[in-house]
Amino acid sequence: MRHLEKGRKFGRIKGRRRSFVNGLVSNLIQHGRISTTEARAKEIKPKVEKLVTVAKKQDLSAMRSLLSKLPKKSAFKMYNEIAPKYADRKGGYTRIVKTAVIRKRDAARKAIVEFV
């Protein structure tokens, strides 16, 4: 039983899983919307929301924090373009839209993750 175990494993070991999730987060920031599975979407949503909250502070500490967690290009886009849009919003920066598409090979339900 996985009592008090957070997160999904995605069939990967810790380092590769972390890199995989960070790649998804970076792609969402770069493109504004990505199509992925529901499980992946639910996994990256809280991470992106926390990054937006940090970026909203608009100070040097926030920028350095973003640079430590994201690739340089994504960090600058988050800080300069995305965060100022949500300056007045208190949360809920992303949405998950479930689609009717089911992937044939493994029957995974697909979803779209996008910024509100």
PDB file of N, CA and C in Angstrom:
ATOM      1  N   MET A   1       0.840  -1.187   0.000  1.00  0.00           N
ATOM      2  CA  MET A   1       0.000   0.000   0.000  1.00  0.00           C
ATOM      3  C   MET A   1       0.877   1.239   0.000  1.00  0.00           C
ATOM      4  N   ARG A   2       0.403   2.275  -0.673  1.00  0.00           N
ATOM      5  CA  ARG A   2       1.224   3.477  -0.802  1.00  0.00           C
ATOM      6  C   ARG A   2       0.693   4.587   0.087  1.00  0.00           C
ATOM      7  N   HIS A   3       0.524   4.328   1.347  1.00  0.00           N
ATOM      8  CA  HIS A   3       0.044   5.357   2.250  1.00  0.00           C
ATOM      9  C   HIS A   3       1.055   6.487   2.342  1.00  0.00           C
ATOM     10  N   LEU A   4       0.578   7.708   2.307  1.00  0.00           N
ATOM     11  CA  LEU A   4       1.394   8.915   2.425  1.00  0.00           C
ATOM     12  C   LEU A   4       2.500   9.012   1.371  1.00  0.00           C
ATOM     13  N   GLU A   5       2.319   8.374   0.230  1.00  0.00           N
ATOM     14  CA  GLU A   5       3.285   8.459  -0.866  1.00  0.00           C
ATOM     15  C   GLU A   5       2.710   9.402  -1.914  1.00  0.00           C
ATOM     16  N   LYS A   6       3.384  10.532  -2.128  1.00  0.00           N
ATOM     17  CA  LYS A   6       2.894  11.507  -3.090  1.00  0.00           C
ATOM     18  C   LYS A   6       3.463  11.245  -4.471  1.00  0.00           C
ATOM     19  N   GLY A   7       2.708  11.611  -5.468  1.00  0.00           N
ATOM     20  CA  GLY A   7       3.221  11.608  -6.825  1.00  0.00           C
ATOM     21  C   GLY A   7       3.020  10.301  -7.566  1.00  0.00           C
ATOM     22  N   ARG A   8       3.204  10.395  -8.871  1.00  0.00           N
ATOM     23  CA  ARG A   8       3.083   9.241  -9.740  1.00  0.00           C
ATOM     24  C   ARG A   8       4.473   8.833 -10.214  1.00  0.00           C
ATOM     25  N   LYS A   9       4.658   7.564 -10.499  1.00  0.00           N
ATOM     26  CA  LYS A   9       5.987   7.072 -10.848  1.00  0.00           C
ATOM     27  C   LYS A   9       6.252   7.065 -12.352  1.00  0.00           C
ATOM     28  N   PHE A  10       5.247   6.905 -13.170  1.00  0.00           N
ATOM     29  CA  PHE A  10       5.377   6.884 -14.627  1.00  0.00           C
ATOM     30  C   PHE A  10       6.366   5.837 -15.122  1.00  0.00           C
ATOM     31  N   GLY A  11       6.605   4.792 -14.332  1.00  0.00           N
ATOM     32  CA  GLY A  11       7.493   3.719 -14.755  1.00  0.00           C
ATOM     33  C   GLY A  11       8.942   4.143 -14.903  1.00  0.00           C
ATOM     34  N   ARG A  12       9.356   5.151 -14.168  1.00  0.00           N
ATOM     35  CA  ARG A  12      10.718   5.665 -14.275  1.00  0.00           C
ATOM     36  C   ARG A  12      11.367   5.729 -12.894  1.00  0.00           C
ATOM     37  N   ILE A  13      12.690   5.717 -12.884  1.00  0.00           N
ATOM     38  CA  ILE A  13      13.393   5.905 -11.626  1.00  0.00           C
ATOM     39  C   ILE A  13      13.433   7.404 -11.307  1.00  0.00           C
ATOM     40  N   LYS A  14      13.820   7.717 -10.087  1.00  0.00           N
ATOM     41  CA  LYS A  14      13.662   9.070  -9.543  1.00  0.00           C
ATOM     42  C   LYS A  14      14.247  10.173 -10.423  1.00  0.00           C
ATOM     43  N   GLY A  15      15.478  10.059 -10.826  1.00  0.00           N
ATOM     44  CA  GLY A  15      16.121  11.112 -11.598  1.00  0.00           C
ATOM     45  C   GLY A  15      15.483  11.306 -12.956  1.00  0.00           C
ATOM     46  N   ARG A  16      15.183  10.214 -13.627  1.00  0.00           N
ATOM     47  CA  ARG A  16      14.553  10.306 -14.950  1.00  0.00           C
ATOM     48  C   ARG A  16      13.127  10.825 -14.846  1.00  0.00           C
ATOM     49  N   ARG A  17      12.436  10.446 -13.771  1.00  0.00           N
ATOM     50  CA  ARG A  17      11.072  10.942 -13.556  1.00  0.00           C
ATOM     51  C   ARG A  17      11.081  12.443 -13.327  1.00  0.00           C
ATOM     52  N   ARG A  18      12.016  12.923 -12.520  1.00  0.00           N
ATOM     53  CA  ARG A  18      12.121  14.353 -12.238  1.00  0.00           C
ATOM     54  C   ARG A  18      12.430  15.129 -13.518  1.00  0.00           C
ATOM     55  N   SER A  19      13.343  14.597 -14.324  1.00  0.00           N
ATOM     56  CA  SER A  19      13.699  15.229 -15.586  1.00  0.00           C
ATOM     57  C   SER A  19      12.510  15.235 -16.550  1.00  0.00           C
ATOM     58  N   PHE A  20      11.767  14.140 -16.579  1.00  0.00           N
ATOM     59  CA  PHE A  20      10.589  14.012 -17.435  1.00  0.00           C
ATOM     60  C   PHE A  20       9.528  15.050 -17.074  1.00  0.00           C
ATOM     61  N   VAL A  21       9.237  15.189 -15.786  1.00  0.00           N
ATOM     62  CA  VAL A  21       8.231  16.144 -15.324  1.00  0.00           C
ATOM     63  C   VAL A  21       8.709  17.575 -15.583  1.00  0.00           C
ATOM     64  N   ASN A  22       9.992  17.854 -15.345  1.00  0.00           N
ATOM     65  CA  ASN A  22      10.516  19.189 -15.619  1.00  0.00           C
ATOM     66  C   ASN A  22      10.437  19.525 -17.101  1.00  0.00           C
ATOM     67  N   GLY A  23      10.631  18.538 -17.952  1.00  0.00           N
ATOM     68  CA  GLY A  23      10.485  18.746 -19.391  1.00  0.00           C
ATOM     69  C   GLY A  23       9.058  19.094 -19.764  1.00  0.00           C
ATOM     70  N   LEU A  24       8.091  18.401 -19.156  1.00  0.00           N
ATOM     71  CA  LEU A  24       6.688  18.717 -19.414  1.00  0.00           C
ATOM     72  C   LEU A  24       6.344  20.139 -18.962  1.00  0.00           C
ATOM     73  N   VAL A  25       6.845  20.518 -17.786  1.00  0.00           N
ATOM     74  CA  VAL A  25       6.593  21.861 -17.259  1.00  0.00           C
ATOM     75  C   VAL A  25       7.193  22.912 -18.193  1.00  0.00           C
ATOM     76  N   SER A  26       8.416  22.677 -18.637  1.00  0.00           N
ATOM     77  CA  SER A  26       9.089  23.607 -19.538  1.00  0.00           C
ATOM     78  C   SER A  26       8.336  23.733 -20.866  1.00  0.00           C
ATOM     79  N   ASN A  27       7.861  22.613 -21.406  1.00  0.00           N
ATOM     80  CA  ASN A  27       7.095  22.652 -22.655  1.00  0.00           C
ATOM     81  C   ASN A  27       5.796  23.426 -22.485  1.00  0.00           C
ATOM     82  N   LEU A  28       5.130  23.260 -21.343  1.00  0.00           N
ATOM     83  CA  LEU A  28       3.902  24.000 -21.100  1.00  0.00           C
ATOM     84  C   LEU A  28       4.181  25.502 -21.061  1.00  0.00           C
ATOM     85  N   ILE A  29       5.269  25.892 -20.421  1.00  0.00           N
ATOM     86  CA  ILE A  29       5.622  27.305 -20.338  1.00  0.00           C
ATOM     87  C   ILE A  29       5.961  27.852 -21.722  1.00  0.00           C
ATOM     88  N   GLN A  30       6.703  27.092 -22.513  1.00  0.00           N
ATOM     89  CA  GLN A  30       7.115  27.563 -23.834  1.00  0.00           C
ATOM     90  C   GLN A  30       5.944  27.676 -24.804  1.00  0.00           C
ATOM     91  N   HIS A  31       5.030  26.713 -24.776  1.00  0.00           N
ATOM     92  CA  HIS A  31       3.965  26.663 -25.778  1.00  0.00           C
ATOM     93  C   HIS A  31       2.620  27.197 -25.273  1.00  0.00           C
ATOM     94  N   GLY A  32       2.447  27.305 -23.968  1.00  0.00           N
ATOM     95  CA  GLY A  32       1.194  27.818 -23.428  1.00  0.00           C
ATOM     96  C   GLY A  32       0.100  26.777 -23.314  1.00  0.00           C
ATOM     97  N   ARG A  33       0.242  25.677 -24.040  1.00  0.00           N
ATOM     98  CA  ARG A  33      -0.754  24.604 -24.025  1.00  0.00           C
ATOM     99  C   ARG A  33      -0.093  23.346 -24.554  1.00  0.00           C
ATOM    100  N   ILE A  34      -0.317  22.231 -23.876  1.00  0.00           N
ATOM    101  CA  ILE A  34       0.205  20.956 -24.363  1.00  0.00           C
ATOM    102  C   ILE A  34      -0.870  19.889 -24.245  1.00  0.00           C
ATOM    103  N   SER A  35      -0.778  18.899 -25.096  1.00  0.00           N
ATOM    104  CA  SER A  35      -1.670  17.750 -25.049  1.00  0.00           C
ATOM    105  C   SER A  35      -0.887  16.583 -24.482  1.00  0.00           C
ATOM    106  N   THR A  36      -1.422  15.961 -23.446  1.00  0.00           N
ATOM    107  CA  THR A  36      -0.730  14.870 -22.767  1.00  0.00           C
ATOM    108  C   THR A  36      -1.773  13.965 -22.117  1.00  0.00           C
ATOM    109  N   THR A  37      -1.343  13.012 -21.315  1.00  0.00           N
ATOM    110  CA  THR A  37      -2.308  12.144 -20.638  1.00  0.00           C
ATOM    111  C   THR A  37      -2.830  12.839 -19.379  1.00  0.00           C
ATOM    112  N   GLU A  38      -3.952  12.352 -18.881  1.00  0.00           N
ATOM    113  CA  GLU A  38      -4.548  12.957 -17.682  1.00  0.00           C
ATOM    114  C   GLU A  38      -3.610  12.863 -16.480  1.00  0.00           C
ATOM    115  N   ALA A  39      -2.970  11.721 -16.305  1.00  0.00           N
ATOM    116  CA  ALA A  39      -2.081  11.535 -15.156  1.00  0.00           C
ATOM    117  C   ALA A  39      -0.920  12.526 -15.204  1.00  0.00           C
ATOM    118  N   ARG A  40      -0.342  12.703 -16.375  1.00  0.00           N
ATOM    119  CA  ARG A  40       0.761  13.651 -16.517  1.00  0.00           C
ATOM    120  C   ARG A  40       0.279  15.072 -16.272  1.00  0.00           C
ATOM    121  N   ALA A  41      -0.899  15.385 -16.778  1.00  0.00           N
ATOM    122  CA  ALA A  41      -1.454  16.728 -16.600  1.00  0.00           C
ATOM    123  C   ALA A  41      -1.679  17.034 -15.126  1.00  0.00           C
ATOM    124  N   LYS A  42      -2.223  16.057 -14.402  1.00  0.00           N
ATOM    125  CA  LYS A  42      -2.489  16.257 -12.977  1.00  0.00           C
ATOM    126  C   LYS A  42      -1.196  16.365 -12.176  1.00  0.00           C
ATOM    127  N   GLU A  43      -0.146  15.748 -12.666  1.00  0.00           N
ATOM    128  CA  GLU A  43       1.139  15.799 -11.976  1.00  0.00           C
ATOM    129  C   GLU A  43       1.834  17.150 -12.160  1.00  0.00           C
ATOM    130  N   ILE A  44       1.721  17.750 -13.346  1.00  0.00           N
ATOM    131  CA  ILE A  44       2.458  18.997 -13.589  1.00  0.00           C
ATOM    132  C   ILE A  44       1.692  20.239 -13.163  1.00  0.00           C
ATOM    133  N   LYS A  45       0.379  20.142 -13.022  1.00  0.00           N
ATOM    134  CA  LYS A  45      -0.407  21.335 -12.693  1.00  0.00           C
ATOM    135  C   LYS A  45       0.053  22.024 -11.404  1.00  0.00           C
ATOM    136  N   PRO A  46       0.191  21.331 -10.263  1.00  0.00           N
ATOM    137  CA  PRO A  46       0.624  22.032  -9.049  1.00  0.00           C
ATOM    138  C   PRO A  46       2.029  22.611  -9.161  1.00  0.00           C
ATOM    139  N   LYS A  47       2.899  21.937  -9.922  1.00  0.00           N
ATOM    140  CA  LYS A  47       4.260  22.441 -10.074  1.00  0.00           C
ATOM    141  C   LYS A  47       4.270  23.767 -10.843  1.00  0.00           C
ATOM    142  N   VAL A  48       3.484  23.841 -11.905  1.00  0.00           N
ATOM    143  CA  VAL A  48       3.406  25.076 -12.697  1.00  0.00           C
ATOM    144  C   VAL A  48       2.776  26.192 -11.875  1.00  0.00           C
ATOM    145  N   GLU A  49       1.744  25.866 -11.125  1.00  0.00           N
ATOM    146  CA  GLU A  49       1.071  26.891 -10.322  1.00  0.00           C
ATOM    147  C   GLU A  49       2.024  27.482  -9.275  1.00  0.00           C
ATOM    148  N   LYS A  50       2.852  26.647  -8.659  1.00  0.00           N
ATOM    149  CA  LYS A  50       3.817  27.150  -7.684  1.00  0.00           C
ATOM    150  C   LYS A  50       4.856  28.039  -8.344  1.00  0.00           C
ATOM    151  N   LEU A  51       5.280  27.673  -9.548  1.00  0.00           N
ATOM    152  CA  LEU A  51       6.259  28.497 -10.263  1.00  0.00           C
ATOM    153  C   LEU A  51       5.682  29.862 -10.628  1.00  0.00           C
ATOM    154  N   VAL A  52       4.413  29.899 -11.022  1.00  0.00           N
ATOM    155  CA  VAL A  52       3.771  31.180 -11.340  1.00  0.00           C
ATOM    156  C   VAL A  52       3.684  32.040 -10.088  1.00  0.00           C
ATOM    157  N   THR A  53       3.346  31.428  -8.959  1.00  0.00           N
ATOM    158  CA  THR A  53       3.254  32.170  -7.704  1.00  0.00           C
ATOM    159  C   THR A  53       4.602  32.767  -7.325  1.00  0.00           C
ATOM    160  N   VAL A  54       5.666  32.017  -7.515  1.00  0.00           N
ATOM    161  CA  VAL A  54       7.011  32.535  -7.229  1.00  0.00           C
ATOM    162  C   VAL A  54       7.341  33.679  -8.184  1.00  0.00           C
ATOM    163  N   ALA A  55       7.040  33.498  -9.465  1.00  0.00           N
ATOM    164  CA  ALA A  55       7.384  34.504 -10.476  1.00  0.00           C
ATOM    165  C   ALA A  55       6.599  35.800 -10.295  1.00  0.00           C
ATOM    166  N   LYS A  56       5.428  35.719  -9.683  1.00  0.00           N
ATOM    167  CA  LYS A  56       4.611  36.923  -9.475  1.00  0.00           C
ATOM    168  C   LYS A  56       5.265  37.929  -8.537  1.00  0.00           C
ATOM    169  N   LYS A  57       6.203  37.477  -7.717  1.00  0.00           N
ATOM    170  CA  LYS A  57       6.868  38.396  -6.779  1.00  0.00           C
ATOM    171  C   LYS A  57       7.700  39.431  -7.506  1.00  0.00           C
ATOM    172  N   GLN A  58       8.207  39.090  -8.696  1.00  0.00           N
ATOM    173  CA  GLN A  58       8.957  40.018  -9.549  1.00  0.00           C
ATOM    174  C   GLN A  58      10.141  40.658  -8.827  1.00  0.00           C
ATOM    175  N   ASP A  59      10.962  39.835  -8.189  1.00  0.00           N
ATOM    176  CA  ASP A  59      12.189  40.344  -7.583  1.00  0.00           C
ATOM    177  C   ASP A  59      13.348  39.404  -7.928  1.00  0.00           C
ATOM    178  N   LEU A  60      14.540  39.778  -7.537  1.00  0.00           N
ATOM    179  CA  LEU A  60      15.731  39.011  -7.880  1.00  0.00           C
ATOM    180  C   LEU A  60      15.683  37.606  -7.305  1.00  0.00           C
ATOM    181  N   SER A  61      15.176  37.474  -6.099  1.00  0.00           N
ATOM    182  CA  SER A  61      15.070  36.170  -5.465  1.00  0.00           C
ATOM    183  C   SER A  61      14.165  35.239  -6.270  1.00  0.00           C
ATOM    184  N   ALA A  62      13.061  35.767  -6.759  1.00  0.00           N
ATOM    185  CA  ALA A  62      12.135  34.972  -7.558  1.00  0.00           C
ATOM    186  C   ALA A  62      12.795  34.526  -8.858  1.00  0.00           C
ATOM    187  N   MET A  63      13.530  35.422  -9.490  1.00  0.00           N
ATOM    188  CA  MET A  63      14.202  35.092 -10.748  1.00  0.00           C
ATOM    189  C   MET A  63      15.236  33.998 -10.539  1.00  0.00           C
ATOM    190  N   ARG A  64      16.005  34.101  -9.477  1.00  0.00           N
ATOM    191  CA  ARG A  64      17.017  33.081  -9.192  1.00  0.00           C
ATOM    192  C   ARG A  64      16.384  31.738  -8.867  1.00  0.00           C
ATOM    193  N   SER A  65      15.266  31.771  -8.179  1.00  0.00           N
ATOM    194  CA  SER A  65      14.549  30.542  -7.866  1.00  0.00           C
ATOM    195  C   SER A  65      14.045  29.863  -9.143  1.00  0.00           C
ATOM    196  N   LEU A  66      13.514  30.662 -10.069  1.00  0.00           N
ATOM    197  CA  LEU A  66      13.039  30.118 -11.339  1.00  0.00           C
ATOM    198  C   LEU A  66      14.203  29.539 -12.144  1.00  0.00           C
ATOM    199  N   LEU A  67      15.327  30.246 -12.167  1.00  0.00           N
ATOM    200  CA  LEU A  67      16.487  29.770 -12.922  1.00  0.00           C
ATOM    201  C   LEU A  67      17.033  28.465 -12.359  1.00  0.00           C
ATOM    202  N   SER A  68      16.860  28.244 -11.064  1.00  0.00           N
ATOM    203  CA  SER A  68      17.339  26.994 -10.476  1.00  0.00           C
ATOM    204  C   SER A  68      16.414  25.822 -10.798  1.00  0.00           C
ATOM    205  N   LYS A  69      15.161  26.104 -11.134  1.00  0.00           N
ATOM    206  CA  LYS A  69      14.187  25.035 -11.365  1.00  0.00           C
ATOM    207  C   LYS A  69      13.836  24.819 -12.826  1.00  0.00           C
ATOM    208  N   LEU A  70      14.123  25.803 -13.684  1.00  0.00           N
ATOM    209  CA  LEU A  70      13.727  25.735 -15.089  1.00  0.00           C
ATOM    210  C   LEU A  70      14.912  26.028 -15.994  1.00  0.00           C
ATOM    211  N   PRO A  71      14.822  25.605 -17.265  1.00  0.00           N
ATOM    212  CA  PRO A  71      15.823  26.055 -18.227  1.00  0.00           C
ATOM    213  C   PRO A  71      15.743  27.575 -18.392  1.00  0.00           C
ATOM    214  N   LYS A  72      16.838  28.186 -18.806  1.00  0.00           N
ATOM    215  CA  LYS A  72      16.946  29.640 -18.861  1.00  0.00           C
ATOM    216  C   LYS A  72      15.828  30.282 -19.688  1.00  0.00           C
ATOM    217  N   LYS A  73      15.565  29.731 -20.868  1.00  0.00           N
ATOM    218  CA  LYS A  73      14.545  30.295 -21.767  1.00  0.00           C
ATOM    219  C   LYS A  73      13.154  30.269 -21.125  1.00  0.00           C
ATOM    220  N   SER A  74      12.816  29.144 -20.500  1.00  0.00           N
ATOM    221  CA  SER A  74      11.511  29.014 -19.848  1.00  0.00           C
ATOM    222  C   SER A  74      11.397  29.923 -18.630  1.00  0.00           C
ATOM    223  N   ALA A  75      12.493  30.048 -17.874  1.00  0.00           N
ATOM    224  CA  ALA A  75      12.480  30.894 -16.683  1.00  0.00           C
ATOM    225  C   ALA A  75      12.230  32.355 -17.060  1.00  0.00           C
ATOM    226  N   PHE A  76      12.909  32.830 -18.101  1.00  0.00           N
ATOM    227  CA  PHE A  76      12.724  34.214 -18.522  1.00  0.00           C
ATOM    228  C   PHE A  76      11.314  34.441 -19.063  1.00  0.00           C
ATOM    229  N   LYS A  77      10.769  33.468 -19.797  1.00  0.00           N
ATOM    230  CA  LYS A  77       9.408  33.611 -20.318  1.00  0.00           C
ATOM    231  C   LYS A  77       8.400  33.649 -19.168  1.00  0.00           C
ATOM    232  N   MET A  78       8.594  32.784 -18.177  1.00  0.00           N
ATOM    233  CA  MET A  78       7.698  32.762 -17.016  1.00  0.00           C
ATOM    234  C   MET A  78       7.753  34.100 -16.285  1.00  0.00           C
ATOM    235  N   TYR A  79       8.947  34.602 -16.068  1.00  0.00           N
ATOM    236  CA  TYR A  79       9.141  35.829 -15.284  1.00  0.00           C
ATOM    237  C   TYR A  79       8.642  37.070 -16.030  1.00  0.00           C
ATOM    238  N   ASN A  80       8.946  37.166 -17.329  1.00  0.00           N
ATOM    239  CA  ASN A  80       8.659  38.389 -18.083  1.00  0.00           C
ATOM    240  C   ASN A  80       7.302  38.419 -18.767  1.00  0.00           C
ATOM    241  N   GLU A  81       6.769  37.273 -19.171  1.00  0.00           N
ATOM    242  CA  GLU A  81       5.530  37.262 -19.947  1.00  0.00           C
ATOM    243  C   GLU A  81       4.330  36.674 -19.194  1.00  0.00           C
ATOM    244  N   ILE A  82       4.526  35.508 -18.592  1.00  0.00           N
ATOM    245  CA  ILE A  82       3.386  34.790 -18.006  1.00  0.00           C
ATOM    246  C   ILE A  82       2.977  35.361 -16.652  1.00  0.00           C
ATOM    247  N   ALA A  83       3.925  35.543 -15.747  1.00  0.00           N
ATOM    248  CA  ALA A  83       3.600  36.000 -14.389  1.00  0.00           C
ATOM    249  C   ALA A  83       2.910  37.367 -14.349  1.00  0.00           C
ATOM    250  N   PRO A  84       3.338  38.362 -15.130  1.00  0.00           N
ATOM    251  CA  PRO A  84       2.635  39.658 -15.079  1.00  0.00           C
ATOM    252  C   PRO A  84       1.152  39.584 -15.465  1.00  0.00           C
ATOM    253  N   LYS A  85       0.786  38.596 -16.301  1.00  0.00           N
ATOM    254  CA  LYS A  85      -0.632  38.435 -16.677  1.00  0.00           C
ATOM    255  C   LYS A  85      -1.496  38.071 -15.478  1.00  0.00           C
ATOM    256  N   TYR A  86      -0.897  37.359 -14.522  1.00  0.00           N
ATOM    257  CA  TYR A  86      -1.650  36.855 -13.378  1.00  0.00           C
ATOM    258  C   TYR A  86      -1.380  37.636 -12.099  1.00  0.00           C
ATOM    259  N   ALA A  87      -0.948  38.866 -12.220  1.00  0.00           N
ATOM    260  CA  ALA A  87      -0.609  39.672 -11.042  1.00  0.00           C
ATOM    261  C   ALA A  87      -1.808  39.852 -10.111  1.00  0.00           C
ATOM    262  N   ASP A  88      -3.010  39.972 -10.669  1.00  0.00           N
ATOM    263  CA  ASP A  88      -4.207  40.200  -9.859  1.00  0.00           C
ATOM    264  C   ASP A  88      -4.916  38.907  -9.471  1.00  0.00           C
ATOM    265  N   ARG A  89      -4.514  37.808 -10.015  1.00  0.00           N
ATOM    266  CA  ARG A  89      -5.188  36.534  -9.769  1.00  0.00           C
ATOM    267  C   ARG A  89      -4.540  35.816  -8.587  1.00  0.00           C
ATOM    268  N   LYS A  90      -5.337  35.211  -7.722  1.00  0.00           N
ATOM    269  CA  LYS A  90      -4.814  34.598  -6.508  1.00  0.00           C
ATOM    270  C   LYS A  90      -4.506  33.121  -6.644  1.00  0.00           C
ATOM    271  N   GLY A  91      -4.796  32.543  -7.771  1.00  0.00           N
ATOM    272  CA  GLY A  91      -4.510  31.116  -7.965  1.00  0.00           C
ATOM    273  C   GLY A  91      -5.280  30.595  -9.149  1.00  0.00           C
ATOM    274  N   GLY A  92      -5.097  29.330  -9.466  1.00  0.00           N
ATOM    275  CA  GLY A  92      -5.809  28.726 -10.584  1.00  0.00           C
ATOM    276  C   GLY A  92      -5.329  29.268 -11.912  1.00  0.00           C
ATOM    277  N   TYR A  93      -4.035  29.172 -12.162  1.00  0.00           N
ATOM    278  CA  TYR A  93      -3.463  29.740 -13.375  1.00  0.00           C
ATOM    279  C   TYR A  93      -3.540  28.784 -14.558  1.00  0.00           C
ATOM    280  N   THR A  94      -3.742  27.501 -14.284  1.00  0.00           N
ATOM    281  CA  THR A  94      -3.812  26.512 -15.360  1.00  0.00           C
ATOM    282  C   THR A  94      -5.140  25.774 -15.296  1.00  0.00           C
ATOM    283  N   ARG A  95      -5.489  25.175 -16.418  1.00  0.00           N
ATOM    284  CA  ARG A  95      -6.695  24.339 -16.459  1.00  0.00           C
ATOM    285  C   ARG A  95      -6.375  23.051 -17.196  1.00  0.00           C
ATOM    286  N   ILE A  96      -7.067  22.007 -16.814  1.00  0.00           N
ATOM    287  CA  ILE A  96      -6.956  20.719 -17.487  1.00  0.00           C
ATOM    288  C   ILE A  96      -8.294  20.446 -18.163  1.00  0.00           C
ATOM    289  N   VAL A  97      -8.257  20.291 -19.477  1.00  0.00           N
ATOM    290  CA  VAL A  97      -9.453  19.983 -20.246  1.00  0.00           C
ATOM    291  C   VAL A  97      -9.330  18.540 -20.712  1.00  0.00           C
ATOM    292  N   LYS A  98     -10.222  17.698 -20.222  1.00  0.00           N
ATOM    293  CA  LYS A  98     -10.190  16.290 -20.604  1.00  0.00           C
ATOM    294  C   LYS A  98     -10.795  16.139 -21.994  1.00  0.00           C
ATOM    295  N   THR A  99     -10.147  15.368 -22.843  1.00  0.00           N
ATOM    296  CA  THR A  99     -10.639  15.158 -24.196  1.00  0.00           C
ATOM    297  C   THR A  99     -11.237  13.763 -24.318  1.00  0.00           C
ATOM    298  N   ALA A 100     -11.944  13.518 -25.423  1.00  0.00           N
ATOM    299  CA  ALA A 100     -12.568  12.220 -25.649  1.00  0.00           C
ATOM    300  C   ALA A 100     -11.596  11.229 -26.273  1.00  0.00           C
ATOM    301  N   VAL A 101     -10.392  11.676 -26.548  1.00  0.00           N
ATOM    302  CA  VAL A 101      -9.402  10.820 -27.200  1.00  0.00           C
ATOM    303  C   VAL A 101      -8.822   9.838 -26.187  1.00  0.00           C
ATOM    304  N   ILE A 102      -8.782   8.578 -26.575  1.00  0.00           N
ATOM    305  CA  ILE A 102      -8.148   7.545 -25.765  1.00  0.00           C
ATOM    306  C   ILE A 102      -7.059   6.920 -26.622  1.00  0.00           C
ATOM    307  N   ARG A 103      -5.844   6.902 -26.104  1.00  0.00           N
ATOM    308  CA  ARG A 103      -4.718   6.369 -26.860  1.00  0.00           C
ATOM    309  C   ARG A 103      -4.897   4.869 -27.060  1.00  0.00           C
ATOM    310  N   LYS A 104      -4.740   4.416 -28.294  1.00  0.00           N
ATOM    311  CA  LYS A 104      -5.074   3.042 -28.651  1.00  0.00           C
ATOM    312  C   LYS A 104      -4.157   2.005 -28.002  1.00  0.00           C
ATOM    313  N   ARG A 105      -2.853   2.280 -27.957  1.00  0.00           N
ATOM    314  CA  ARG A 105      -1.931   1.244 -27.506  1.00  0.00           C
ATOM    315  C   ARG A 105      -2.041   0.922 -26.022  1.00  0.00           C
ATOM    316  N   ASP A 106      -2.334   1.927 -25.172  1.00  0.00           N
ATOM    317  CA  ASP A 106      -2.416   1.643 -23.740  1.00  0.00           C
ATOM    318  C   ASP A 106      -3.702   2.171 -23.092  1.00  0.00           C
ATOM    319  N   ALA A 107      -4.629   2.653 -23.894  1.00  0.00           N
ATOM    320  CA  ALA A 107      -5.933   3.142 -23.435  1.00  0.00           C
ATOM    321  C   ALA A 107      -5.812   4.279 -22.423  1.00  0.00           C
ATOM    322  N   ALA A 108      -4.768   5.089 -22.561  1.00  0.00           N
ATOM    323  CA  ALA A 108      -4.597   6.242 -21.667  1.00  0.00           C
ATOM    324  C   ALA A 108      -5.492   7.380 -22.143  1.00  0.00           C
ATOM    325  N   ARG A 109      -6.190   8.000 -21.205  1.00  0.00           N
ATOM    326  CA  ARG A 109      -7.057   9.129 -21.543  1.00  0.00           C
ATOM    327  C   ARG A 109      -6.190  10.360 -21.749  1.00  0.00           C
ATOM    328  N   LYS A 110      -6.513  11.136 -22.764  1.00  0.00           N
ATOM    329  CA  LYS A 110      -5.735  12.319 -23.106  1.00  0.00           C
ATOM    330  C   LYS A 110      -6.403  13.566 -22.530  1.00  0.00           C
ATOM    331  N   ALA A 111      -5.586  14.584 -22.297  1.00  0.00           N
ATOM    332  CA  ALA A 111      -6.087  15.840 -21.752  1.00  0.00           C
ATOM    333  C   ALA A 111      -5.225  16.964 -22.314  1.00  0.00           C
ATOM    334  N   ILE A 112      -5.743  18.180 -22.231  1.00  0.00           N
ATOM    335  CA  ILE A 112      -5.010  19.366 -22.654  1.00  0.00           C
ATOM    336  C   ILE A 112      -4.773  20.225 -21.397  1.00  0.00           C
ATOM    337  N   VAL A 113      -3.521  20.616 -21.198  1.00  0.00           N
ATOM    338  CA  VAL A 113      -3.173  21.511 -20.101  1.00  0.00           C
ATOM    339  C   VAL A 113      -2.849  22.860 -20.718  1.00  0.00           C
ATOM    340  N   GLU A 114      -3.437  23.924 -20.173  1.00  0.00           N
ATOM    341  CA  GLU A 114      -3.210  25.266 -20.725  1.00  0.00           C
ATOM    342  C   GLU A 114      -3.300  26.300 -19.633  1.00  0.00           C
ATOM    343  N   PHE A 115      -2.710  27.451 -19.910  1.00  0.00           N
ATOM    344  CA  PHE A 115      -2.849  28.568 -18.987  1.00  0.00           C
ATOM    345  C   PHE A 115      -4.213  29.206 -19.188  1.00  0.00           C
ATOM    346  N   VAL A 116      -4.810  29.676 -18.104  1.00  0.00           N
ATOM    347  CA  VAL A 116      -6.145  30.275 -18.152  1.00  0.00           C
ATOM    348  C   VAL A 116      -6.057  31.629 -18.829  1.00  0.00           C
TER     349      VAL A 116
END
